[in-house]
Amino acid sequence: MGFWELKMMLRTGNNSKKRAFTLLELLLVIVIIAVLMGLAIPRISKTIANTSFKSFINKACLFLDYASTRSTLKNIILEVRFDLKQKNILLRKQQEKEEIISQLQIPQDISIDIGKETVIFYPDGTSEEFKIIISDNQGRKVEISSSGFDGKIKRDE
């Protein structure tokens, strides 16, 4: 046996016993992982629901801003219609009810409370006065409104 072979045997320990995890150690690791998952999953799902709600609020505000801006730029009267039965928000020209310019889908877990079905945006940058209350099944509410005079969309959380 050469010097290098002897050195390798001493370094690796040439044991005939193989090291392995016992069943108890594996079960302990599985229990720890299960406990961590049990703690993490509710927080993750709550974070996803919160992000979904905030995302829809942002989309709704952008949709209304888009309607106001497009009305001014194209010099046309636009109508935003809230179709709560079909869970849609539709943007179209006031005279042409068939042609939809844009639409926004309302998620199933979100409800909208609005006094009237449509909001009109005028070419001079104004709009009809409106107040929309958007809520979800976790009790969160956001109010989107406009005084109509300046056409600015306000959001109160």
Protein backbone atom coordinates (compact mmCIF):
# COMPACT_ATOMS: atom_id res chain seq x y z
CA MET A 1 0.00 0.00 0.00
CA GLY A 2 1.41 3.36 -1.02
CA PHE A 3 1.68 6.51 1.04
CA TRP A 4 -1.17 8.28 -0.75
CA GLU A 5 -3.55 5.32 -0.35
CA LEU A 6 -2.81 5.18 3.39
CA LYS A 7 -3.38 8.92 3.72
CA MET A 8 -6.76 8.65 1.91
CA MET A 9 -7.87 5.77 4.18
CA LEU A 10 -7.05 7.79 7.27
CA ARG A 11 -8.80 10.88 5.93
CA THR A 12 -12.05 9.15 4.88
CA GLY A 13 -12.14 6.77 7.80
CA ASN A 14 -12.73 3.61 5.71
CA ASN A 15 -15.65 2.54 7.94
CA SER A 16 -17.78 -0.29 6.68
CA LYS A 17 -20.85 1.24 8.49
CA LYS A 18 -22.87 3.61 6.33
CA ARG A 19 -24.33 6.68 7.99
CA ALA A 20 -28.08 7.23 7.44
CA PHE A 21 -30.95 9.13 9.02
CA THR A 22 -33.10 7.20 11.44
CA LEU A 23 -36.85 7.06 11.05
CA LEU A 24 -37.24 9.24 14.13
CA GLU A 25 -35.02 11.98 12.66
CA LEU A 26 -36.99 11.95 9.40
CA LEU A 27 -40.32 12.16 11.25
CA LEU A 28 -39.01 15.07 13.33
CA VAL A 29 -38.02 16.98 10.18
CA ILE A 30 -41.43 16.32 8.60
CA VAL A 31 -43.21 17.57 11.75
CA ILE A 32 -41.11 20.76 11.81
CA ILE A 33 -41.84 21.43 8.13
CA ALA A 34 -45.58 20.83 8.68
CA VAL A 35 -45.67 23.30 11.60
CA LEU A 36 -43.84 25.95 9.56
CA MET A 37 -46.22 25.45 6.62
CA GLY A 38 -49.21 25.70 8.97
CA LEU A 39 -47.95 29.07 10.17
CA ALA A 40 -46.97 30.40 6.75
CA ILE A 41 -49.96 29.47 4.55
CA PRO A 42 -52.60 31.68 6.28
CA ARG A 43 -50.28 34.67 6.11
CA ILE A 44 -49.47 34.06 2.47
CA SER A 45 -53.14 33.71 1.49
CA LYS A 46 -54.04 36.89 3.42
CA THR A 47 -51.24 38.76 1.65
CA ILE A 48 -52.44 37.51 -1.75
CA ALA A 49 -56.04 38.58 -1.00
CA ASN A 50 -54.85 42.01 0.16
CA THR A 51 -52.73 42.43 -2.97
CA SER A 52 -55.67 41.40 -5.19
CA PHE A 53 -57.97 43.96 -3.55
CA LYS A 54 -55.44 46.79 -3.83
CA SER A 55 -54.70 45.83 -7.42
CA PHE A 56 -58.38 46.08 -8.37
CA ILE A 57 -58.70 49.47 -6.64
CA ASN A 58 -55.72 50.76 -8.63
CA LYS A 59 -57.16 49.36 -11.87
CA ALA A 60 -60.55 50.96 -11.18
CA CYS A 61 -58.96 54.38 -10.52
CA LEU A 62 -56.83 54.09 -13.65
CA PHE A 63 -59.90 53.04 -15.66
CA LEU A 64 -61.83 56.13 -14.53
CA ASP A 65 -58.80 58.40 -15.16
CA TYR A 66 -58.49 56.87 -18.62
CA ALA A 67 -62.15 57.63 -19.34
CA SER A 68 -61.68 61.24 -18.29
CA THR A 69 -58.48 61.69 -20.29
CA ARG A 70 -59.81 59.98 -23.43
CA SER A 71 -62.97 62.08 -23.31
CA THR A 72 -60.88 65.25 -23.24
CA LEU A 73 -58.36 64.16 -25.89
CA LYS A 74 -60.93 62.78 -28.36
CA ASN A 75 -63.41 65.60 -27.63
CA ILE A 76 -66.29 63.15 -27.09
CA ILE A 77 -68.71 62.35 -24.30
CA LEU A 78 -67.91 58.98 -22.74
CA GLU A 79 -69.97 56.82 -20.44
CA VAL A 80 -68.67 54.41 -17.82
CA ARG A 81 -71.33 51.79 -17.10
CA PHE A 82 -71.23 49.53 -14.05
CA ASP A 83 -72.79 46.19 -14.98
CA LEU A 84 -72.89 44.60 -11.54
CA LYS A 85 -74.81 41.52 -12.70
CA GLN A 86 -72.15 40.63 -15.27
CA LYS A 87 -69.33 41.92 -12.97
CA ASN A 88 -68.00 44.36 -15.61
CA ILE A 89 -67.19 48.04 -15.87
CA LEU A 90 -67.62 49.22 -19.46
CA LEU A 91 -66.34 52.34 -21.24
CA ARG A 92 -68.16 53.46 -24.37
CA LYS A 93 -69.29 56.53 -26.30
CA GLN A 94 -72.53 57.87 -24.93
CA GLN A 95 -74.38 57.72 -28.26
CA GLU A 96 -73.00 54.34 -29.39
CA LYS A 97 -74.12 51.81 -26.80
CA GLU A 98 -72.93 48.77 -28.80
CA GLU A 99 -69.29 49.80 -29.24
CA ILE A 100 -67.23 49.10 -26.12
CA ILE A 101 -63.96 51.03 -25.98
CA SER A 102 -62.61 49.25 -22.91
CA GLN A 103 -63.81 47.08 -20.04
CA LEU A 104 -62.66 46.01 -16.60
CA GLN A 105 -63.68 42.70 -15.02
CA ILE A 106 -64.77 42.87 -11.37
CA PRO A 107 -63.36 39.96 -9.30
CA GLN A 108 -65.91 37.64 -7.69
CA ASP A 109 -64.96 38.48 -4.09
CA ILE A 110 -65.35 42.24 -4.63
CA SER A 111 -68.62 44.15 -4.44
CA ILE A 112 -69.37 47.66 -5.67
CA ASP A 113 -71.96 50.04 -4.26
CA ILE A 114 -72.76 52.95 -6.56
CA GLY A 115 -75.76 55.25 -6.60
CA LYS A 116 -76.27 55.13 -10.36
CA GLU A 117 -75.38 52.70 -13.12
CA THR A 118 -73.46 55.14 -15.33
CA VAL A 119 -71.00 58.00 -14.97
CA ILE A 120 -70.60 60.50 -17.81
CA PHE A 121 -67.25 62.14 -18.68
CA TYR A 122 -67.33 65.35 -20.73
CA PRO A 123 -64.78 66.74 -23.22
CA ASP A 124 -64.13 69.83 -21.05
CA GLY A 125 -62.53 67.62 -18.36
CA THR A 126 -65.53 67.49 -16.04
CA SER A 127 -67.71 64.55 -15.16
CA GLU A 128 -70.89 63.76 -13.35
CA GLU A 129 -70.49 63.73 -9.60
CA PHE A 130 -70.15 60.17 -8.30
CA LYS A 131 -69.20 58.10 -5.29
CA ILE A 132 -68.27 54.42 -5.57
CA ILE A 133 -67.71 52.20 -2.54
CA ILE A 134 -65.67 49.09 -3.29
CA SER A 135 -65.51 46.39 -0.62
CA ASP A 136 -64.39 42.79 -0.29
CA ASN A 137 -65.44 39.81 1.80
CA GLN A 138 -62.85 40.65 4.48
CA GLY A 139 -64.53 43.95 5.36
CA ARG A 140 -62.10 46.30 3.64
CA LYS A 141 -63.68 49.34 1.97
CA VAL A 142 -62.38 52.04 -0.35
CA GLU A 143 -64.31 55.02 -1.66
CA ILE A 144 -63.59 56.43 -5.12
CA SER A 145 -65.29 59.71 -5.91
CA SER A 146 -65.29 62.84 -8.00
CA SER A 147 -66.96 66.16 -7.35
CA GLY A 148 -67.50 66.42 -11.09
CA PHE A 149 -66.36 70.03 -11.29
CA ASP A 150 -62.65 69.35 -11.81
CA GLY A 151 -63.00 65.75 -13.04
CA LYS A 152 -60.33 64.52 -10.64
CA ILE A 153 -60.71 61.03 -9.23
CA LYS A 154 -60.24 60.86 -5.45
CA ARG A 155 -59.58 57.73 -3.44
CA ASP A 156 -60.27 57.47 0.30
CA GLU A 157 -59.16 54.34 2.15
